[in-house]
Amino acid sequence: EHSIETLGAMAGFSCLLLWALSAKSDRYSELTRENDNELPKHWLRKVA
């Protein structure tokens, strides 16, 4: 019981960490917009 919910919480927090670590600057826009994709473009990276 609650296994899926626990895994979902861990995965959700992992999303926050990956999003935070992918920041490219310290501007306001880093908080409120998607990534600029300055890395080589690929649609799977954009999905992530």
ModelCIF file with pLDDT and N, C-alpha, C, O atoms, coordinates in Angstrom:
data_MODEL
#
_entry.id   MODEL 
#
_entity.id                         1 
_entity.type                       polymer 
_entity.pdbx_number_of_molecules   1 
#
_entity_poly.entity_id                      1 
_entity_poly.type                           'polypeptide(L)' 
_entity_poly.nstd_linkage                   no 
_entity_poly.nstd_monomer                   no 
_entity_poly.pdbx_seq_one_letter_code       EHSIETLGAMAGFSCLLLWALSAKSDRYSELTRENDNELPKHWLRKVA 
_entity_poly.pdbx_seq_one_letter_code_can   EHSIETLGAMAGFSCLLLWALSAKSDRYSELTRENDNELPKHWLRKVA 
_entity_poly.pdbx_strand_id                 A 
#
loop_
_entity_poly_seq.entity_id 
_entity_poly_seq.num 
_entity_poly_seq.mon_id 
_entity_poly_seq.hetero 
1 1  GLU n 
1 2  HIS n 
1 3  SER n 
1 4  ILE n 
1 5  GLU n 
1 6  THR n 
1 7  LEU n 
1 8  GLY n 
1 9  ALA n 
1 10 MET n 
1 11 ALA n 
1 12 GLY n 
1 13 PHE n 
1 14 SER n 
1 15 CYS n 
1 16 LEU n 
1 17 LEU n 
1 18 LEU n 
1 19 TRP n 
1 20 ALA n 
1 21 LEU n 
1 22 SER n 
1 23 ALA n 
1 24 LYS n 
1 25 SER n 
1 26 ASP n 
1 27 ARG n 
1 28 TYR n 
1 29 SER n 
1 30 GLU n 
1 31 LEU n 
1 32 THR n 
1 33 ARG n 
1 34 GLU n 
1 35 ASN n 
1 36 ASP n 
1 37 ASN n 
1 38 GLU n 
1 39 LEU n 
1 40 PRO n 
1 41 LYS n 
1 42 HIS n 
1 43 TRP n 
1 44 LEU n 
1 45 ARG n 
1 46 LYS n 
1 47 VAL n 
1 48 ALA n 
#
_struct_asym.id          A 
_struct_asym.entity_id   1 
#
loop_
_ma_qa_metric.id 
_ma_qa_metric.mode 
_ma_qa_metric.name 
_ma_qa_metric.software_group_id 
_ma_qa_metric.type 
1 global pLDDT . pLDDT 
2 local  pLDDT . pLDDT 
#
_ma_qa_metric_global.metric_id      1 
_ma_qa_metric_global.metric_value   77.48 
_ma_qa_metric_global.model_id       1 
_ma_qa_metric_global.ordinal_id     1 
#
loop_
_ma_qa_metric_local.label_asym_id 
_ma_qa_metric_local.label_comp_id 
_ma_qa_metric_local.label_seq_id 
_ma_qa_metric_local.metric_id 
_ma_qa_metric_local.metric_value 
_ma_qa_metric_local.model_id 
_ma_qa_metric_local.ordinal_id 
A GLU 1  2 88.00 1 1  
A HIS 2  2 88.00 1 2  
A SER 3  2 92.00 1 3  
A ILE 4  2 93.00 1 4  
A GLU 5  2 91.00 1 5  
A THR 6  2 93.00 1 6  
A LEU 7  2 94.00 1 7  
A GLY 8  2 93.00 1 8  
A ALA 9  2 94.00 1 9  
A MET 10 2 95.00 1 10 
A ALA 11 2 94.00 1 11 
A GLY 12 2 93.00 1 12 
A PHE 13 2 95.00 1 13 
A SER 14 2 94.00 1 14 
A CYS 15 2 92.00 1 15 
A LEU 16 2 92.00 1 16 
A LEU 17 2 92.00 1 17 
A LEU 18 2 91.00 1 18 
A TRP 19 2 89.00 1 19 
A ALA 20 2 88.00 1 20 
A LEU 21 2 87.00 1 21 
A SER 22 2 81.00 1 22 
A ALA 23 2 74.00 1 23 
A LYS 24 2 70.00 1 24 
A SER 25 2 62.00 1 25 
A ASP 26 2 61.00 1 26 
A ARG 27 2 66.00 1 27 
A TYR 28 2 61.00 1 28 
A SER 29 2 62.00 1 29 
A GLU 30 2 64.00 1 30 
A LEU 31 2 66.00 1 31 
A THR 32 2 66.00 1 32 
A ARG 33 2 64.00 1 33 
A GLU 34 2 63.00 1 34 
A ASN 35 2 62.00 1 35 
A ASP 36 2 59.00 1 36 
A ASN 37 2 53.00 1 37 
A GLU 38 2 49.00 1 38 
A LEU 39 2 46.00 1 39 
A PRO 40 2 47.00 1 40 
A LYS 41 2 58.00 1 41 
A HIS 42 2 69.00 1 42 
A TRP 43 2 73.00 1 43 
A LEU 44 2 81.00 1 44 
A ARG 45 2 82.00 1 45 
A LYS 46 2 81.00 1 46 
A VAL 47 2 84.00 1 47 
A ALA 48 2 87.00 1 48 
#
loop_
_atom_site.group_PDB 
_atom_site.id 
_atom_site.type_symbol 
_atom_site.label_atom_id 
_atom_site.label_alt_id 
_atom_site.label_comp_id 
_atom_site.label_asym_id 
_atom_site.label_entity_id 
_atom_site.label_seq_id 
_atom_site.pdbx_PDB_ins_code 
_atom_site.Cartn_x 
_atom_site.Cartn_y 
_atom_site.Cartn_z 
_atom_site.occupancy 
_atom_site.B_iso_or_equiv 
_atom_site.pdbx_formal_charge 
_atom_site.auth_seq_id 
_atom_site.auth_comp_id 
_atom_site.auth_asym_id 
_atom_site.auth_atom_id 
_atom_site.pdbx_PDB_model_num 
ATOM 1   N N  . GLU A 1 1  ? 0.817  -1.203 0.000   1.00 88.00 ? 1  GLU A N  1 
ATOM 2   C CA . GLU A 1 1  ? 0.000  0.000  0.000   1.00 88.00 ? 1  GLU A CA 1 
ATOM 3   C C  . GLU A 1 1  ? 0.862  1.269  0.000   1.00 88.00 ? 1  GLU A C  1 
ATOM 4   O O  . GLU A 1 1  ? 1.868  1.346  0.705   1.00 88.00 ? 1  GLU A O  1 
ATOM 5   N N  . HIS A 1 2  ? 0.459  2.246  -0.788  1.00 88.00 ? 2  HIS A N  1 
ATOM 6   C CA . HIS A 1 2  ? 1.119  3.558  -0.915  1.00 88.00 ? 2  HIS A CA 1 
ATOM 7   C C  . HIS A 1 2  ? 2.468  3.495  -1.629  1.00 88.00 ? 2  HIS A C  1 
ATOM 8   O O  . HIS A 1 2  ? 3.202  4.483  -1.613  1.00 88.00 ? 2  HIS A O  1 
ATOM 9   N N  . SER A 1 3  ? 2.819  2.376  -2.251  1.00 92.00 ? 3  SER A N  1 
ATOM 10  C CA . SER A 1 3  ? 4.111  2.267  -2.942  1.00 92.00 ? 3  SER A CA 1 
ATOM 11  C C  . SER A 1 3  ? 4.184  3.224  -4.126  1.00 92.00 ? 3  SER A C  1 
ATOM 12  O O  . SER A 1 3  ? 5.171  3.942  -4.288  1.00 92.00 ? 3  SER A O  1 
ATOM 13  N N  . ILE A 1 4  ? 3.145  3.235  -4.947  1.00 93.00 ? 4  ILE A N  1 
ATOM 14  C CA . ILE A 1 4  ? 3.125  4.106  -6.120  1.00 93.00 ? 4  ILE A CA 1 
ATOM 15  C C  . ILE A 1 4  ? 3.182  5.565  -5.695  1.00 93.00 ? 4  ILE A C  1 
ATOM 16  O O  . ILE A 1 4  ? 3.874  6.369  -6.320  1.00 93.00 ? 4  ILE A O  1 
ATOM 17  N N  . GLU A 1 5  ? 2.459  5.911  -4.635  1.00 91.00 ? 5  GLU A N  1 
ATOM 18  C CA . GLU A 1 5  ? 2.450  7.284  -4.151  1.00 91.00 ? 5  GLU A CA 1 
ATOM 19  C C  . GLU A 1 5  ? 3.840  7.711  -3.667  1.00 91.00 ? 5  GLU A C  1 
ATOM 20  O O  . GLU A 1 5  ? 4.268  8.839  -3.911  1.00 91.00 ? 5  GLU A O  1 
ATOM 21  N N  . THR A 1 6  ? 4.539  6.802  -2.979  1.00 93.00 ? 6  THR A N  1 
ATOM 22  C CA . THR A 1 6  ? 5.889  7.106  -2.498  1.00 93.00 ? 6  THR A CA 1 
ATOM 23  C C  . THR A 1 6  ? 6.854  7.295  -3.667  1.00 93.00 ? 6  THR A C  1 
ATOM 24  O O  . THR A 1 6  ? 7.655  8.230  -3.674  1.00 93.00 ? 6  THR A O  1 
ATOM 25  N N  . LEU A 1 7  ? 6.770  6.403  -4.651  1.00 94.00 ? 7  LEU A N  1 
ATOM 26  C CA . LEU A 1 7  ? 7.621  6.531  -5.834  1.00 94.00 ? 7  LEU A CA 1 
ATOM 27  C C  . LEU A 1 7  ? 7.305  7.823  -6.597  1.00 94.00 ? 7  LEU A C  1 
ATOM 28  O O  . LEU A 1 7  ? 8.202  8.482  -7.122  1.00 94.00 ? 7  LEU A O  1 
ATOM 29  N N  . GLY A 1 8  ? 6.016  8.172  -6.649  1.00 93.00 ? 8  GLY A N  1 
ATOM 30  C CA . GLY A 1 8  ? 5.619  9.406  -7.325  1.00 93.00 ? 8  GLY A CA 1 
ATOM 31  C C  . GLY A 1 8  ? 6.181  10.636 -6.632  1.00 93.00 ? 8  GLY A C  1 
ATOM 32  O O  . GLY A 1 8  ? 6.607  11.583 -7.294  1.00 93.00 ? 8  GLY A O  1 
ATOM 33  N N  . ALA A 1 9  ? 6.184  10.632 -5.291  1.00 94.00 ? 9  ALA A N  1 
ATOM 34  C CA . ALA A 1 9  ? 6.738  11.758 -4.535  1.00 94.00 ? 9  ALA A CA 1 
ATOM 35  C C  . ALA A 1 9  ? 8.233  11.879 -4.772  1.00 94.00 ? 9  ALA A C  1 
ATOM 36  O O  . ALA A 1 9  ? 8.749  12.983 -4.943  1.00 94.00 ? 9  ALA A O  1 
ATOM 37  N N  . MET A 1 10 ? 8.933  10.751 -4.783  1.00 95.00 ? 10 MET A N  1 
ATOM 38  C CA . MET A 1 10 ? 10.378 10.778 -5.029  1.00 95.00 ? 10 MET A CA 1 
ATOM 39  C C  . MET A 1 10 ? 10.678 11.264 -6.446  1.00 95.00 ? 10 MET A C  1 
ATOM 40  O O  . MET A 1 10 ? 11.605 12.046 -6.657  1.00 95.00 ? 10 MET A O  1 
ATOM 41  N N  . ALA A 1 11 ? 9.895  10.801 -7.407  1.00 94.00 ? 11 ALA A N  1 
ATOM 42  C CA . ALA A 1 11 ? 10.098 11.234 -8.795  1.00 94.00 ? 11 ALA A CA 1 
ATOM 43  C C  . ALA A 1 11 ? 9.777  12.715 -8.952  1.00 94.00 ? 11 ALA A C  1 
ATOM 44  O O  . ALA A 1 11 ? 10.461 13.426 -9.688  1.00 94.00 ? 11 ALA A O  1 
ATOM 45  N N  . GLY A 1 12 ? 8.732  13.184 -8.257  1.00 93.00 ? 12 GLY A N  1 
ATOM 46  C CA . GLY A 1 12 ? 8.379  14.594 -8.319  1.00 93.00 ? 12 GLY A CA 1 
ATOM 47  C C  . GLY A 1 12 ? 9.482  15.480 -7.773  1.00 93.00 ? 12 GLY A C  1 
ATOM 48  O O  . GLY A 1 12 ? 9.788  16.523 -8.350  1.00 93.00 ? 12 GLY A O  1 
ATOM 49  N N  . PHE A 1 13 ? 10.084 15.068 -6.659  1.00 95.00 ? 13 PHE A N  1 
ATOM 50  C CA . PHE A 1 13 ? 11.179 15.856 -6.096  1.00 95.00 ? 13 PHE A CA 1 
ATOM 51  C C  . PHE A 1 13 ? 12.410 15.807 -7.008  1.00 95.00 ? 13 PHE A C  1 
ATOM 52  O O  . PHE A 1 13 ? 13.150 16.786 -7.109  1.00 95.00 ? 13 PHE A O  1 
ATOM 53  N N  . SER A 1 14 ? 12.624 14.677 -7.665  1.00 94.00 ? 14 SER A N  1 
ATOM 54  C CA . SER A 1 14 ? 13.725 14.573 -8.623  1.00 94.00 ? 14 SER A CA 1 
ATOM 55  C C  . SER A 1 14 ? 13.549 15.562 -9.764  1.00 94.00 ? 14 SER A C  1 
ATOM 56  O O  . SER A 1 14 ? 14.525 16.120 -10.265 1.00 94.00 ? 14 SER A O  1 
ATOM 57  N N  . CYS A 1 15 ? 12.289 15.783 -10.179 1.00 92.00 ? 15 CYS A N  1 
ATOM 58  C CA . CYS A 1 15 ? 12.009 16.778 -11.222 1.00 92.00 ? 15 CYS A CA 1 
ATOM 59  C C  . CYS A 1 15 ? 12.437 18.168 -10.771 1.00 92.00 ? 15 CYS A C  1 
ATOM 60  O O  . CYS A 1 15 ? 13.017 18.931 -11.543 1.00 92.00 ? 15 CYS A O  1 
ATOM 61  N N  . LEU A 1 16 ? 12.146 18.488 -9.510  1.00 92.00 ? 16 LEU A N  1 
ATOM 62  C CA . LEU A 1 16 ? 12.529 19.800 -8.998  1.00 92.00 ? 16 LEU A CA 1 
ATOM 63  C C  . LEU A 1 16 ? 14.039 19.979 -9.029  1.00 92.00 ? 16 LEU A C  1 
ATOM 64  O O  . LEU A 1 16 ? 14.538 21.042 -9.398  1.00 92.00 ? 16 LEU A O  1 
ATOM 65  N N  . LEU A 1 17 ? 14.761 18.941 -8.643  1.00 92.00 ? 17 LEU A N  1 
ATOM 66  C CA . LEU A 1 17 ? 16.225 19.022 -8.637  1.00 92.00 ? 17 LEU A CA 1 
ATOM 67  C C  . LEU A 1 17 ? 16.785 19.181 -10.042 1.00 92.00 ? 17 LEU A C  1 
ATOM 68  O O  . LEU A 1 17 ? 17.672 20.003 -10.270 1.00 92.00 ? 17 LEU A O  1 
ATOM 69  N N  . LEU A 1 18 ? 16.270 18.396 -10.986 1.00 91.00 ? 18 LEU A N  1 
ATOM 70  C CA . LEU A 1 18 ? 16.761 18.484 -12.364 1.00 91.00 ? 18 LEU A CA 1 
ATOM 71  C C  . LEU A 1 18 ? 16.458 19.852 -12.961 1.00 91.00 ? 18 LEU A C  1 
ATOM 72  O O  . LEU A 1 18 ? 17.283 20.411 -13.683 1.00 91.00 ? 18 LEU A O  1 
ATOM 73  N N  . TRP A 1 19 ? 15.289 20.388 -12.668 1.00 89.00 ? 19 TRP A N  1 
ATOM 74  C CA . TRP A 1 19 ? 14.930 21.716 -13.162 1.00 89.00 ? 19 TRP A CA 1 
ATOM 75  C C  . TRP A 1 19 ? 15.846 22.778 -12.562 1.00 89.00 ? 19 TRP A C  1 
ATOM 76  O O  . TRP A 1 19 ? 16.316 23.667 -13.271 1.00 89.00 ? 19 TRP A O  1 
ATOM 77  N N  . ALA A 1 20 ? 16.099 22.687 -11.265 1.00 88.00 ? 20 ALA A N  1 
ATOM 78  C CA . ALA A 1 20 ? 16.954 23.669 -10.602 1.00 88.00 ? 20 ALA A CA 1 
ATOM 79  C C  . ALA A 1 20 ? 18.379 23.625 -11.146 1.00 88.00 ? 20 ALA A C  1 
ATOM 80  O O  . ALA A 1 20 ? 18.994 24.670 -11.360 1.00 88.00 ? 20 ALA A O  1 
ATOM 81  N N  . LEU A 1 21 ? 18.901 22.432 -11.366 1.00 87.00 ? 21 LEU A N  1 
ATOM 82  C CA . LEU A 1 21 ? 20.281 22.295 -11.815 1.00 87.00 ? 21 LEU A CA 1 
ATOM 83  C C  . LEU A 1 21 ? 20.469 22.657 -13.282 1.00 87.00 ? 21 LEU A C  1 
ATOM 84  O O  . LEU A 1 21 ? 21.601 22.817 -13.738 1.00 87.00 ? 21 LEU A O  1 
ATOM 85  N N  . SER A 1 22 ? 19.372 22.789 -14.028 1.00 81.00 ? 22 SER A N  1 
ATOM 86  C CA . SER A 1 22 ? 19.496 23.115 -15.456 1.00 81.00 ? 22 SER A CA 1 
ATOM 87  C C  . SER A 1 22 ? 19.443 24.620 -15.710 1.00 81.00 ? 22 SER A C  1 
ATOM 88  O O  . SER A 1 22 ? 19.391 25.042 -16.865 1.00 81.00 ? 22 SER A O  1 
ATOM 89  N N  . ALA A 1 23 ? 19.456 25.437 -14.658 1.00 74.00 ? 23 ALA A N  1 
ATOM 90  C CA . ALA A 1 23 ? 19.417 26.899 -14.820 1.00 74.00 ? 23 ALA A CA 1 
ATOM 91  C C  . ALA A 1 23 ? 20.663 27.389 -15.543 1.00 74.00 ? 23 ALA A C  1 
ATOM 92  O O  . ALA A 1 23 ? 21.751 26.845 -15.356 1.00 74.00 ? 23 ALA A O  1 
ATOM 93  N N  . LYS A 1 24 ? 20.501 28.424 -16.374 1.00 70.00 ? 24 LYS A N  1 
ATOM 94  C CA . LYS A 1 24 ? 21.616 28.978 -17.137 1.00 70.00 ? 24 LYS A CA 1 
ATOM 95  C C  . LYS A 1 24 ? 22.048 30.358 -16.661 1.00 70.00 ? 24 LYS A C  1 
ATOM 96  O O  . LYS A 1 24 ? 23.098 30.855 -17.067 1.00 70.00 ? 24 LYS A O  1 
ATOM 97  N N  . SER A 1 25 ? 21.241 30.981 -15.800 1.00 62.00 ? 25 SER A N  1 
ATOM 98  C CA . SER A 1 25 ? 21.588 32.305 -15.280 1.00 62.00 ? 25 SER A CA 1 
ATOM 99  C C  . SER A 1 25 ? 20.846 32.526 -13.977 1.00 62.00 ? 25 SER A C  1 
ATOM 100 O O  . SER A 1 25 ? 20.127 31.642 -13.512 1.00 62.00 ? 25 SER A O  1 
ATOM 101 N N  . ASP A 1 26 ? 21.017 33.706 -13.382 1.00 61.00 ? 26 ASP A N  1 
ATOM 102 C CA . ASP A 1 26 ? 20.340 34.015 -12.123 1.00 61.00 ? 26 ASP A CA 1 
ATOM 103 C C  . ASP A 1 26 ? 19.232 35.044 -12.325 1.00 61.00 ? 26 ASP A C  1 
ATOM 104 O O  . ASP A 1 26 ? 18.861 35.737 -11.377 1.00 61.00 ? 26 ASP A O  1 
ATOM 105 N N  . ARG A 1 27 ? 18.698 35.158 -13.541 1.00 66.00 ? 27 ARG A N  1 
ATOM 106 C CA . ARG A 1 27 ? 17.686 36.149 -13.846 1.00 66.00 ? 27 ARG A CA 1 
ATOM 107 C C  . ARG A 1 27 ? 16.303 35.700 -13.374 1.00 66.00 ? 27 ARG A C  1 
ATOM 108 O O  . ARG A 1 27 ? 16.077 34.530 -13.067 1.00 66.00 ? 27 ARG A O  1 
ATOM 109 N N  . TYR A 1 28 ? 15.387 36.667 -13.327 1.00 61.00 ? 28 TYR A N  1 
ATOM 110 C CA . TYR A 1 28 ? 13.985 36.383 -12.998 1.00 61.00 ? 28 TYR A CA 1 
ATOM 111 C C  . TYR A 1 28 ? 13.395 35.382 -13.987 1.00 61.00 ? 28 TYR A C  1 
ATOM 112 O O  . TYR A 1 28 ? 12.614 34.511 -13.603 1.00 61.00 ? 28 TYR A O  1 
ATOM 113 N N  . SER A 1 29 ? 13.769 35.508 -15.258 1.00 62.00 ? 29 SER A N  1 
ATOM 114 C CA . SER A 1 29 ? 13.195 34.642 -16.288 1.00 62.00 ? 29 SER A CA 1 
ATOM 115 C C  . SER A 1 29 ? 13.520 33.173 -16.048 1.00 62.00 ? 29 SER A C  1 
ATOM 116 O O  . SER A 1 29 ? 12.781 32.302 -16.505 1.00 62.00 ? 29 SER A O  1 
ATOM 117 N N  . GLU A 1 30 ? 14.607 32.878 -15.344 1.00 64.00 ? 30 GLU A N  1 
ATOM 118 C CA . GLU A 1 30 ? 14.946 31.480 -15.063 1.00 64.00 ? 30 GLU A CA 1 
ATOM 119 C C  . GLU A 1 30 ? 13.881 30.812 -14.201 1.00 64.00 ? 30 GLU A C  1 
ATOM 120 O O  . GLU A 1 30 ? 13.681 29.600 -14.288 1.00 64.00 ? 30 GLU A O  1 
ATOM 121 N N  . LEU A 1 31 ? 13.201 31.595 -13.372 1.00 66.00 ? 31 LEU A N  1 
ATOM 122 C CA . LEU A 1 31 ? 12.164 31.034 -12.510 1.00 66.00 ? 31 LEU A CA 1 
ATOM 123 C C  . LEU A 1 31 ? 10.846 30.858 -13.237 1.00 66.00 ? 31 LEU A C  1 
ATOM 124 O O  . LEU A 1 31 ? 10.114 29.910 -12.953 1.00 66.00 ? 31 LEU A O  1 
ATOM 125 N N  . THR A 1 32 ? 10.525 31.739 -14.163 1.00 66.00 ? 32 THR A N  1 
ATOM 126 C CA . THR A 1 32 ? 9.167  31.798 -14.701 1.00 66.00 ? 32 THR A CA 1 
ATOM 127 C C  . THR A 1 32 ? 9.036  31.318 -16.137 1.00 66.00 ? 32 THR A C  1 
ATOM 128 O O  . THR A 1 32 ? 7.938  31.361 -16.690 1.00 66.00 ? 32 THR A O  1 
ATOM 129 N N  . ARG A 1 33 ? 10.102 30.868 -16.752 1.00 64.00 ? 33 ARG A N  1 
ATOM 130 C CA . ARG A 1 33 ? 9.999  30.414 -18.137 1.00 64.00 ? 33 ARG A CA 1 
ATOM 131 C C  . ARG A 1 33 ? 10.704 29.084 -18.330 1.00 64.00 ? 33 ARG A C  1 
ATOM 132 O O  . ARG A 1 33 ? 11.449 28.617 -17.468 1.00 64.00 ? 33 ARG A O  1 
ATOM 133 N N  . GLU A 1 34 ? 10.444 28.480 -19.502 1.00 63.00 ? 34 GLU A N  1 
ATOM 134 C CA . GLU A 1 34 ? 11.124 27.244 -19.855 1.00 63.00 ? 34 GLU A CA 1 
ATOM 135 C C  . GLU A 1 34 ? 12.581 27.531 -20.190 1.00 63.00 ? 34 GLU A C  1 
ATOM 136 O O  . GLU A 1 34 ? 12.978 28.686 -20.341 1.00 63.00 ? 34 GLU A O  1 
ATOM 137 N N  . ASN A 1 35 ? 13.380 26.460 -20.307 1.00 62.00 ? 35 ASN A N  1 
ATOM 138 C CA . ASN A 1 35 ? 14.789 26.622 -20.677 1.00 62.00 ? 35 ASN A CA 1 
ATOM 139 C C  . ASN A 1 35 ? 14.927 27.172 -22.086 1.00 62.00 ? 35 ASN A C  1 
ATOM 140 O O  . ASN A 1 35 ? 14.086 26.925 -22.950 1.00 62.00 ? 35 ASN A O  1 
ATOM 141 N N  . ASP A 1 36 ? 16.008 27.927 -22.308 1.00 59.00 ? 36 ASP A N  1 
ATOM 142 C CA . ASP A 1 36 ? 16.282 28.498 -23.631 1.00 59.00 ? 36 ASP A CA 1 
ATOM 143 C C  . ASP A 1 36 ? 16.827 27.477 -24.614 1.00 59.00 ? 36 ASP A C  1 
ATOM 144 O O  . ASP A 1 36 ? 16.897 27.735 -25.816 1.00 59.00 ? 36 ASP A O  1 
ATOM 145 N N  . ASN A 1 37 ? 17.217 26.304 -24.093 1.00 53.00 ? 37 ASN A N  1 
ATOM 146 C CA . ASN A 1 37 ? 17.798 25.270 -24.948 1.00 53.00 ? 37 ASN A CA 1 
ATOM 147 C C  . ASN A 1 37 ? 19.067 25.749 -25.635 1.00 53.00 ? 37 ASN A C  1 
ATOM 148 O O  . ASN A 1 37 ? 19.187 25.655 -26.856 1.00 53.00 ? 37 ASN A O  1 
ATOM 149 N N  . GLU A 1 38 ? 20.014 26.261 -24.859 1.00 49.00 ? 38 GLU A N  1 
ATOM 150 C CA . GLU A 1 38 ? 21.294 26.657 -25.423 1.00 49.00 ? 38 GLU A CA 1 
ATOM 151 C C  . GLU A 1 38 ? 22.156 25.452 -25.749 1.00 49.00 ? 38 GLU A C  1 
ATOM 152 O O  . GLU A 1 38 ? 23.099 25.545 -26.534 1.00 49.00 ? 38 GLU A O  1 
ATOM 153 N N  . LEU A 1 39 ? 21.824 24.309 -25.135 1.00 46.00 ? 39 LEU A N  1 
ATOM 154 C CA . LEU A 1 39 ? 22.505 23.067 -25.470 1.00 46.00 ? 39 LEU A CA 1 
ATOM 155 C C  . LEU A 1 39 ? 22.047 22.602 -26.849 1.00 46.00 ? 39 LEU A C  1 
ATOM 156 O O  . LEU A 1 39 ? 21.031 23.086 -27.349 1.00 46.00 ? 39 LEU A O  1 
ATOM 157 N N  . PRO A 1 40 ? 22.775 21.672 -27.479 1.00 47.00 ? 40 PRO A N  1 
ATOM 158 C CA . PRO A 1 40 ? 22.344 21.172 -28.789 1.00 47.00 ? 40 PRO A CA 1 
ATOM 159 C C  . PRO A 1 40 ? 20.887 20.711 -28.756 1.00 47.00 ? 40 PRO A C  1 
ATOM 160 O O  . PRO A 1 40 ? 20.508 19.933 -27.880 1.00 47.00 ? 40 PRO A O  1 
ATOM 161 N N  . LYS A 1 41 ? 20.077 21.175 -29.687 1.00 58.00 ? 41 LYS A N  1 
ATOM 162 C CA . LYS A 1 41 ? 18.641 20.948 -29.612 1.00 58.00 ? 41 LYS A CA 1 
ATOM 163 C C  . LYS A 1 41 ? 18.277 19.501 -29.944 1.00 58.00 ? 41 LYS A C  1 
ATOM 164 O O  . LYS A 1 41 ? 18.824 18.905 -30.871 1.00 58.00 ? 41 LYS A O  1 
ATOM 165 N N  . HIS A 1 42 ? 17.356 18.957 -29.177 1.00 69.00 ? 42 HIS A N  1 
ATOM 166 C CA . HIS A 1 42 ? 16.779 17.651 -29.444 1.00 69.00 ? 42 HIS A CA 1 
ATOM 167 C C  . HIS A 1 42 ? 15.398 17.643 -28.827 1.00 69.00 ? 42 HIS A C  1 
ATOM 168 O O  . HIS A 1 42 ? 15.221 18.157 -27.722 1.00 69.00 ? 42 HIS A O  1 
ATOM 169 N N  . TRP A 1 43 ? 14.411 17.074 -29.506 1.00 73.00 ? 43 TRP A N  1 
ATOM 170 C CA . TRP A 1 43 ? 13.045 17.182 -29.019 1.00 73.00 ? 43 TRP A CA 1 
ATOM 171 C C  . TRP A 1 43 ? 12.835 16.433 -27.709 1.00 73.00 ? 43 TRP A C  1 
ATOM 172 O O  . TRP A 1 43 ? 11.978 16.830 -26.920 1.00 73.00 ? 43 TRP A O  1 
ATOM 173 N N  . LEU A 1 44 ? 13.586 15.360 -27.449 1.00 81.00 ? 44 LEU A N  1 
ATOM 174 C CA . LEU A 1 44 ? 13.465 14.659 -26.171 1.00 81.00 ? 44 LEU A CA 1 
ATOM 175 C C  . LEU A 1 44 ? 13.969 15.524 -25.013 1.00 81.00 ? 44 LEU A C  1 
ATOM 176 O O  . LEU A 1 44 ? 13.409 15.492 -23.917 1.00 81.00 ? 44 LEU A O  1 
ATOM 177 N N  . ARG A 1 45 ? 15.032 16.297 -25.267 1.00 82.00 ? 45 ARG A N  1 
ATOM 178 C CA . ARG A 1 45 ? 15.523 17.216 -24.236 1.00 82.00 ? 45 ARG A CA 1 
ATOM 179 C C  . ARG A 1 45 ? 14.474 18.292 -23.954 1.00 82.00 ? 45 ARG A C  1 
ATOM 180 O O  . ARG A 1 45 ? 14.277 18.685 -22.804 1.00 82.00 ? 45 ARG A O  1 
ATOM 181 N N  . LYS A 1 46 ? 13.808 18.761 -24.996 1.00 81.00 ? 46 LYS A N  1 
ATOM 182 C CA . LYS A 1 46 ? 12.769 19.770 -24.828 1.00 81.00 ? 46 LYS A CA 1 
ATOM 183 C C  . LYS A 1 46 ? 11.603 19.208 -24.023 1.00 81.00 ? 46 LYS A C  1 
ATOM 184 O O  . LYS A 1 46 ? 11.043 19.902 -23.175 1.00 81.00 ? 46 LYS A O  1 
ATOM 185 N N  . VAL A 1 47 ? 11.238 17.969 -24.279 1.00 84.00 ? 47 VAL A N  1 
ATOM 186 C CA . VAL A 1 47 ? 10.176 17.311 -23.498 1.00 84.00 ? 47 VAL A CA 1 
ATOM 187 C C  . VAL A 1 47 ? 10.546 17.288 -22.024 1.00 84.00 ? 47 VAL A C  1 
ATOM 188 O O  . VAL A 1 47 ? 9.731  17.633 -21.168 1.00 84.00 ? 47 VAL A O  1 
ATOM 189 N N  . ALA A 1 48 ? 11.775 16.881 -21.728 1.00 87.00 ? 48 ALA A N  1 
ATOM 190 C CA . ALA A 1 48 ? 12.230 16.779 -20.341 1.00 87.00 ? 48 ALA A CA 1 
ATOM 191 C C  . ALA A 1 48 ? 12.242 18.143 -19.657 1.00 87.00 ? 48 ALA A C  1 
ATOM 192 O O  . ALA A 1 48 ? 12.600 18.242 -18.483 1.00 87.00 ? 48 ALA A O  1 
#
